[in-house]
Amino acid sequence: MKITSVSAVYPNYKHTVPSWRTHLWQIVVRVETDVGQTGWGYGGGGKAAVEIINGHFAEILVGKQVNSISDISDVWDFLYSESIPYGRKGVAIMALSGVDLALYDVLGKAEAKPVAGLLDHKIKPRIRCYATGTDTDYYAELGFTAQKMPHRWTGDDSILGAVNVAEKARAALGSEAEVMFDVYMSWNSEATLKMHDALKHVGIHWYEDVLTPDDLREIGNLRRQIRPVNMAGGEHEFTAHGFAQIARAQAYDIWQPDITWCGGITAGLRVVEMAKEAKAEVVPHRGGEPWGLHLIAASDCADFAELLPGVRGGGTDDLWIGAPEPVNGYIEISDEPGFGVTPNEEMF
């Protein structure tokens, strides 16, 4: 099976957060082959990544073989090498992620297997989910037993608000629930220790992205000071090369590669193997989406998948048709070939 064409499109989103996501959110990648199979992938980098795929990758991928996982790995290494002058991290790897996932999708369809089935014959039957967002009561009604809440440091006056939402989550979700914070690089070392002290009575599972990804050494220092709470991060890191820096700094207990950003399934597999050596857990960012979900189901990733249910009555962009839905806080992958989803082309 050979690649005959590669293309990408930026969907017409209506519900993205008005920030960098307005122009640089997720892209859809299409791969056609000489046997009539079509693969669909999901990448990051928005309009810039579309230009990389349609203007560069499409020119150099035609004729490449896609008959095995090894072939996909070879394609990954080829694209990485060819994009080094402008790539290595960021938008170029986000574009590469979409191509990699489309290749896995087309290979799964050609072999009549879900992507997880390509990776391993042993698949987790169902995966526990956690809800990321602010609507605790809504998530409890949906059956979630774990919640990750956003928090932004605005000074000591923001401590009480964090304590209140954490206590509410603990009360609503139960004594055995996991309660986490994603602070999106808004804390510093002093704030991290203050928050840790204020939240000890709640029992926090992890703090996520307390500093920027360039502050790995200091994150590693903080990690040792907040035990037994876990330090989590990695959604803004790219490829196994980037995660090797995380491993050297011993920065995180929990690694969070985003499979649609960090380099796709190919990079995800390499990161999982590296994490085993580093004695770290892998919990992919947005892992409840099909791309991360298949990796979780068929690898040594933790049995824990992130979903973003939004808030009760909120609007969403339903881009992918056939994506599995959680039931009582758990989710199962589809047994359809590939990732089992197709894009809603009305959004193109």
Protein backbone atom coordinates (compact mmCIF):
# COMPACT_ATOMS: atom_id res chain seq x y z
CA MET A 1 0.00 0.00 0.00
CA LYS A 2 1.46 3.35 -1.08
CA ILE A 3 0.55 6.94 -0.30
CA THR A 4 -0.96 8.74 -3.29
CA SER A 5 -1.89 12.05 -1.65
CA VAL A 6 -1.76 13.94 1.65
CA SER A 7 -3.78 17.04 2.50
CA ALA A 8 -4.90 19.05 5.51
CA VAL A 9 -7.72 21.44 6.33
CA TYR A 10 -8.50 23.81 9.19
CA PRO A 11 -12.13 23.26 10.26
CA ASN A 12 -14.61 26.09 10.70
CA TYR A 13 -14.77 26.09 14.48
CA LYS A 14 -17.44 28.01 16.34
CA HIS A 15 -16.58 27.13 19.95
CA THR A 16 -12.83 27.59 20.32
CA VAL A 17 -11.44 29.66 23.17
CA PRO A 18 -10.58 33.15 21.84
CA SER A 19 -6.81 32.93 22.19
CA TRP A 20 -4.10 31.22 20.16
CA ARG A 21 -6.75 28.55 19.46
CA THR A 22 -8.64 30.93 17.18
CA HIS A 23 -6.14 30.38 14.36
CA LEU A 24 -3.87 27.60 15.62
CA TRP A 25 -6.23 24.92 16.94
CA GLN A 26 -6.64 21.36 15.63
CA ILE A 27 -6.38 20.36 11.97
CA VAL A 28 -7.76 17.40 10.01
CA VAL A 29 -5.34 15.41 7.85
CA ARG A 30 -6.37 13.11 4.99
CA VAL A 31 -4.15 10.41 3.47
CA GLU A 32 -5.12 8.55 0.29
CA THR A 33 -3.55 5.29 -0.86
CA ASP A 34 -3.27 3.29 -4.07
CA VAL A 35 -5.60 0.59 -2.70
CA GLY A 36 -8.47 3.00 -2.14
CA GLN A 37 -8.14 3.29 1.64
CA THR A 38 -8.43 6.73 3.23
CA GLY A 39 -6.91 7.59 6.59
CA TRP A 40 -7.93 10.50 8.81
CA GLY A 41 -5.68 12.15 11.38
CA TYR A 42 -5.93 14.96 13.90
CA GLY A 43 -3.05 17.36 14.41
CA GLY A 44 -2.36 20.71 15.99
CA GLY A 45 -0.90 23.96 14.74
CA GLY A 46 -3.95 25.32 12.90
CA LYS A 47 -3.51 27.29 9.71
CA ALA A 48 0.28 27.23 10.00
CA ALA A 49 0.35 23.42 10.19
CA VAL A 50 -1.99 23.18 7.19
CA GLU A 51 0.61 25.11 5.18
CA ILE A 52 3.38 22.74 6.28
CA ILE A 53 1.41 19.67 5.22
CA ASN A 54 -0.03 20.99 1.98
CA GLY A 55 3.09 22.89 1.01
CA HIS A 56 5.88 20.50 2.07
CA PHE A 57 4.86 17.11 3.45
CA ALA A 58 2.45 16.45 0.58
CA GLU A 59 5.27 16.85 -1.93
CA ILE A 60 7.61 14.33 -0.32
CA LEU A 61 5.23 11.62 0.94
CA VAL A 62 3.73 10.38 -2.34
CA GLY A 63 4.94 6.85 -3.04
CA LYS A 64 5.93 6.00 0.53
CA GLN A 65 4.97 2.51 1.71
CA VAL A 66 2.51 2.06 4.59
CA ASN A 67 2.28 -1.68 5.17
CA SER A 68 3.38 -1.93 8.81
CA ILE A 69 3.99 0.00 12.00
CA SER A 70 7.66 -0.08 11.05
CA ASP A 71 6.84 1.71 7.79
CA ILE A 72 4.97 4.42 9.70
CA SER A 73 7.92 4.82 12.04
CA ASP A 74 10.21 5.21 9.00
CA VAL A 75 7.90 7.87 7.55
CA TRP A 76 7.95 9.69 10.91
CA ASP A 77 11.74 9.73 10.99
CA PHE A 78 11.84 10.90 7.37
CA LEU A 79 9.45 13.81 8.00
CA TYR A 80 11.24 14.78 11.19
CA SER A 81 14.58 14.87 9.38
CA GLU A 82 13.20 16.82 6.41
CA SER A 83 11.58 19.45 8.65
CA ILE A 84 14.55 20.02 10.99
CA PRO A 85 15.41 23.46 9.50
CA TYR A 86 12.05 24.84 10.70
CA GLY A 87 10.81 22.09 13.01
CA ARG A 88 11.95 19.87 15.89
CA LYS A 89 9.23 21.28 18.16
CA GLY A 90 6.03 23.27 17.95
CA VAL A 91 3.90 23.67 14.84
CA ALA A 92 5.96 21.39 12.59
CA ILE A 93 5.63 18.46 15.00
CA MET A 94 1.95 19.21 15.47
CA ALA A 95 1.60 18.86 11.69
CA LEU A 96 3.63 15.64 11.73
CA SER A 97 1.31 14.31 14.46
CA GLY A 98 -1.70 14.62 12.17
CA VAL A 99 0.05 12.77 9.36
CA ASP A 100 1.21 10.01 11.70
CA LEU A 101 -2.31 9.47 13.03
CA ALA A 102 -3.76 9.39 9.51
CA LEU A 103 -1.22 6.70 8.59
CA TYR A 104 -2.22 4.62 11.62
CA ASP A 105 -5.86 5.04 10.67
CA VAL A 106 -5.29 3.88 7.09
CA LEU A 107 -3.17 0.91 8.20
CA GLY A 108 -5.86 -0.15 10.67
CA LYS A 109 -8.47 0.00 7.94
CA ALA A 110 -6.29 -1.98 5.55
CA GLU A 111 -5.82 -4.71 8.16
CA ALA A 112 -9.42 -4.49 9.47
CA LYS A 113 -8.20 -3.76 12.99
CA PRO A 114 -8.62 -0.89 15.42
CA VAL A 115 -5.39 1.03 15.95
CA ALA A 116 -5.12 -0.46 19.44
CA GLY A 117 -5.24 -3.90 17.82
CA LEU A 118 -2.27 -2.95 15.63
CA LEU A 119 -0.30 -2.03 18.74
CA ASP A 120 -1.05 -5.06 20.92
CA HIS A 121 -3.42 -8.02 21.11
CA LYS A 122 -4.07 -7.23 24.78
CA ILE A 123 -6.39 -4.23 25.03
CA LYS A 124 -7.77 -2.65 28.20
CA PRO A 125 -11.52 -3.43 28.06
CA ARG A 126 -12.51 -0.05 29.49
CA ILE A 127 -10.65 2.97 30.73
CA ARG A 128 -11.40 5.23 33.68
CA CYS A 129 -11.93 8.88 32.74
CA TYR A 130 -11.46 12.16 34.49
CA ALA A 131 -13.35 15.34 33.65
CA THR A 132 -11.45 18.56 33.11
CA GLY A 133 -13.48 21.68 33.77
CA THR A 134 -15.41 23.65 36.36
CA ASP A 135 -18.90 22.09 36.50
CA THR A 136 -18.40 19.64 39.38
CA ASP A 137 -22.07 18.82 39.95
CA TYR A 138 -22.58 18.07 36.25
CA TYR A 139 -19.57 15.72 36.19
CA ALA A 140 -20.80 13.91 39.29
CA GLU A 141 -24.18 13.36 37.62
CA LEU A 142 -22.41 11.94 34.57
CA GLY A 143 -20.68 9.38 36.78
CA PHE A 144 -17.14 10.74 36.87
CA THR A 145 -15.07 9.97 39.96
CA ALA A 146 -12.18 12.26 39.07
CA GLN A 147 -11.93 15.95 38.18
CA LYS A 148 -9.17 18.31 37.12
CA MET A 149 -9.85 21.97 37.76
CA PRO A 150 -8.26 25.05 36.23
CA HIS A 151 -6.62 27.59 38.51
CA ARG A 152 -4.77 30.84 37.89
CA TRP A 153 -2.60 32.43 40.53
CA THR A 154 -3.56 36.05 41.15
CA GLY A 155 -1.91 36.38 44.53
CA ASP A 156 -2.69 35.07 48.00
CA ASP A 157 -6.33 36.00 47.47
CA SER A 158 -6.63 33.11 45.00
CA ILE A 159 -5.81 30.44 47.58
CA LEU A 160 -9.26 30.37 49.18
CA GLY A 161 -10.96 29.92 45.81
CA ALA A 162 -8.80 26.89 45.05
CA VAL A 163 -9.53 25.37 48.45
CA ASN A 164 -13.26 25.88 47.96
CA VAL A 165 -13.44 24.20 44.55
CA ALA A 166 -11.22 21.33 45.70
CA GLU A 167 -13.37 20.70 48.76
CA LYS A 168 -16.48 20.81 46.61
CA ALA A 169 -15.03 18.24 44.21
CA ARG A 170 -14.06 15.96 47.07
CA ALA A 171 -17.55 16.18 48.57
CA ALA A 172 -19.39 15.69 45.27
CA LEU A 173 -17.21 12.94 43.78
CA GLY A 174 -16.45 10.95 46.90
CA SER A 175 -13.64 10.13 49.29
CA GLU A 176 -11.94 7.85 46.75
CA ALA A 177 -12.11 10.40 43.92
CA GLU A 178 -9.04 11.89 42.28
CA VAL A 179 -8.85 15.68 42.48
CA MET A 180 -6.26 17.52 40.36
CA PHE A 181 -5.31 21.08 39.42
CA ASP A 182 -4.17 22.38 36.03
CA VAL A 183 -2.64 25.82 36.57
CA TYR A 184 -1.38 26.37 33.01
CA MET A 185 2.04 27.76 33.94
CA SER A 186 0.55 30.53 36.11
CA TRP A 187 2.19 29.59 39.42
CA ASN A 188 5.77 30.13 40.55
CA SER A 189 7.73 28.17 43.14
CA GLU A 190 6.44 30.20 46.10
CA ALA A 191 2.84 29.94 44.92
CA THR A 192 3.17 26.18 44.41
CA LEU A 193 4.31 25.64 47.98
CA LYS A 194 1.61 27.93 49.38
CA MET A 195 -1.09 26.10 47.44
CA HIS A 196 0.31 22.73 48.44
CA ASP A 197 0.17 23.68 52.10
CA ALA A 198 -3.39 25.03 51.82
CA LEU A 199 -4.69 21.93 50.00
CA LYS A 200 -3.07 19.16 52.04
CA HIS A 201 -6.31 18.31 53.82
CA VAL A 202 -8.13 17.67 50.51
CA GLY A 203 -5.72 15.09 49.12
CA ILE A 204 -4.65 16.26 45.66
CA HIS A 205 -3.56 13.70 43.07
CA TRP A 206 -1.43 16.07 40.97
CA TYR A 207 -0.54 19.65 40.16
CA GLU A 208 -0.13 20.20 36.42
CA ASP A 209 2.09 22.69 34.57
CA VAL A 210 3.02 24.74 37.61
CA LEU A 211 5.87 26.41 35.69
CA THR A 212 6.80 26.69 32.02
CA PRO A 213 8.35 23.70 30.19
CA ASP A 214 11.65 25.59 30.17
CA ASP A 215 11.86 25.41 33.98
CA LEU A 216 12.42 21.65 34.28
CA ARG A 217 15.17 21.84 36.90
CA GLU A 218 13.06 23.97 39.26
CA ILE A 219 10.01 21.77 38.62
CA GLY A 220 12.14 18.79 39.67
CA ASN A 221 13.08 20.63 42.89
CA LEU A 222 9.42 21.38 43.62
CA ARG A 223 8.44 17.81 42.83
CA ARG A 224 10.45 16.57 45.79
CA GLN A 225 8.88 19.18 48.10
CA ILE A 226 5.22 18.41 47.36
CA ARG A 227 5.26 14.66 47.85
CA PRO A 228 3.05 12.65 48.07
CA VAL A 229 1.22 14.91 45.60
CA ASN A 230 2.38 14.17 42.05
CA MET A 231 3.93 16.68 39.68
CA ALA A 232 2.44 16.43 36.19
CA GLY A 233 3.26 18.01 32.85
CA GLY A 234 4.44 17.50 29.32
CA GLU A 235 1.55 18.58 27.11
CA HIS A 236 3.78 21.35 25.74
CA GLU A 237 6.69 19.02 25.02
CA PHE A 238 7.44 17.40 21.67
CA THR A 239 8.87 14.04 20.56
CA ALA A 240 10.94 11.58 22.55
CA HIS A 241 13.86 14.02 22.31
CA GLY A 242 11.93 16.54 24.38
CA PHE A 243 10.80 13.95 26.91
CA ALA A 244 14.41 12.84 27.32
CA GLN A 245 15.04 16.28 28.83
CA ILE A 246 12.14 15.71 31.23
CA ALA A 247 13.64 12.37 32.21
CA ARG A 248 17.09 13.88 32.82
CA ALA A 249 15.61 16.60 35.02
CA GLN A 250 13.38 14.13 36.88
CA ALA A 251 10.76 16.84 36.58
CA TYR A 252 7.47 14.96 36.57
CA ASP A 253 5.89 11.92 38.19
CA ILE A 254 3.22 11.95 35.48
CA TRP A 255 4.07 12.60 31.83
CA GLN A 256 1.30 14.09 29.68
CA PRO A 257 2.15 13.96 25.99
CA ASP A 258 -0.62 15.18 23.71
CA ILE A 259 -0.78 12.56 20.95
CA THR A 260 -2.09 15.08 18.42
CA TRP A 261 0.80 17.45 19.18
CA CYS A 262 3.87 15.54 20.35
CA GLY A 263 4.32 13.44 17.21
CA GLY A 264 1.36 11.07 17.06
CA ILE A 265 1.22 7.41 18.05
CA THR A 266 4.80 6.89 16.87
CA ALA A 267 6.16 9.47 19.29
CA GLY A 268 3.71 8.33 21.97
CA LEU A 269 5.06 4.77 21.88
CA ARG A 270 8.61 6.04 22.24
CA VAL A 271 7.64 8.27 25.15
CA VAL A 272 5.88 5.40 26.93
CA GLU A 273 9.00 3.24 26.70
CA MET A 274 11.13 6.10 28.00
CA ALA A 275 8.74 6.68 30.89
CA LYS A 276 9.07 3.05 31.97
CA GLU A 277 12.82 3.52 32.32
CA ALA A 278 12.25 6.76 34.22
CA LYS A 279 9.65 5.11 36.49
CA ALA A 280 7.07 7.70 35.50
CA GLU A 281 3.40 7.26 34.57
CA VAL A 282 2.03 8.38 31.22
CA VAL A 283 -1.41 10.00 31.20
CA PRO A 284 -1.85 11.55 27.74
CA HIS A 285 -3.25 15.06 27.52
CA ARG A 286 -6.85 14.83 26.20
CA GLY A 287 -6.38 11.06 26.28
CA GLY A 288 -10.12 10.36 26.14
CA GLU A 289 -10.17 11.41 22.49
CA PRO A 290 -9.74 8.50 20.02
CA TRP A 291 -6.05 9.21 19.32
CA GLY A 292 -4.83 8.99 22.90
CA LEU A 293 -7.47 6.46 23.84
CA HIS A 294 -6.11 3.77 21.50
CA LEU A 295 -2.61 4.30 22.87
CA ILE A 296 -3.85 4.04 26.45
CA ALA A 297 -5.82 0.89 25.64
CA ALA A 298 -2.88 -0.96 24.13
CA SER A 299 0.18 0.26 26.04
CA ASP A 300 1.60 0.79 29.50
CA CYS A 301 -0.08 4.18 29.84
CA ALA A 302 -1.99 4.62 33.09
CA ASP A 303 -5.63 3.58 33.04
CA PHE A 304 -6.78 7.20 33.14
CA ALA A 305 -8.15 9.25 30.24
CA GLU A 306 -8.89 12.98 30.14
CA LEU A 307 -12.19 14.25 28.78
CA LEU A 308 -13.48 17.81 28.52
CA PRO A 309 -17.26 17.62 28.99
CA GLY A 310 -17.59 21.40 29.15
CA VAL A 311 -20.43 22.74 31.27
CA ARG A 312 -24.07 21.80 31.44
CA GLY A 313 -25.82 23.18 28.37
CA GLY A 314 -22.61 24.42 26.76
CA GLY A 315 -21.98 24.29 23.01
CA THR A 316 -19.39 22.09 21.30
CA ASP A 317 -17.94 21.57 17.84
CA ASP A 318 -18.87 18.00 16.88
CA LEU A 319 -16.02 17.44 14.46
CA TRP A 320 -15.59 13.67 14.74
CA ILE A 321 -18.41 11.25 14.00
CA GLY A 322 -18.29 7.94 15.84
CA ALA A 323 -16.09 9.00 18.77
CA PRO A 324 -16.88 6.87 21.84
CA GLU A 325 -18.73 8.47 24.73
CA PRO A 326 -18.11 7.83 28.45
CA VAL A 327 -20.60 5.82 30.47
CA ASN A 328 -20.57 6.27 34.25
CA GLY A 329 -17.05 7.65 34.15
CA TYR A 330 -15.55 4.95 31.92
CA ILE A 331 -14.93 4.73 28.19
CA GLU A 332 -14.26 1.93 25.70
CA ILE A 333 -12.59 2.11 22.32
CA SER A 334 -14.55 1.18 19.24
CA ASP A 335 -13.78 -2.12 17.53
CA GLU A 336 -14.11 -0.39 14.16
CA PRO A 337 -10.99 -0.44 11.93
CA GLY A 338 -8.53 2.40 12.40
CA PHE A 339 -9.61 4.99 14.95
CA GLY A 340 -13.27 4.30 14.12
CA VAL A 341 -14.12 7.93 13.41
CA THR A 342 -14.72 10.15 10.39
CA PRO A 343 -14.73 13.94 10.27
CA ASN A 344 -17.89 15.98 9.96
CA GLU A 345 -17.09 17.49 6.58
CA GLU A 346 -19.80 20.10 7.04
CA MET A 347 -17.22 21.88 9.19
CA PHE A 348 -14.74 22.14 6.30
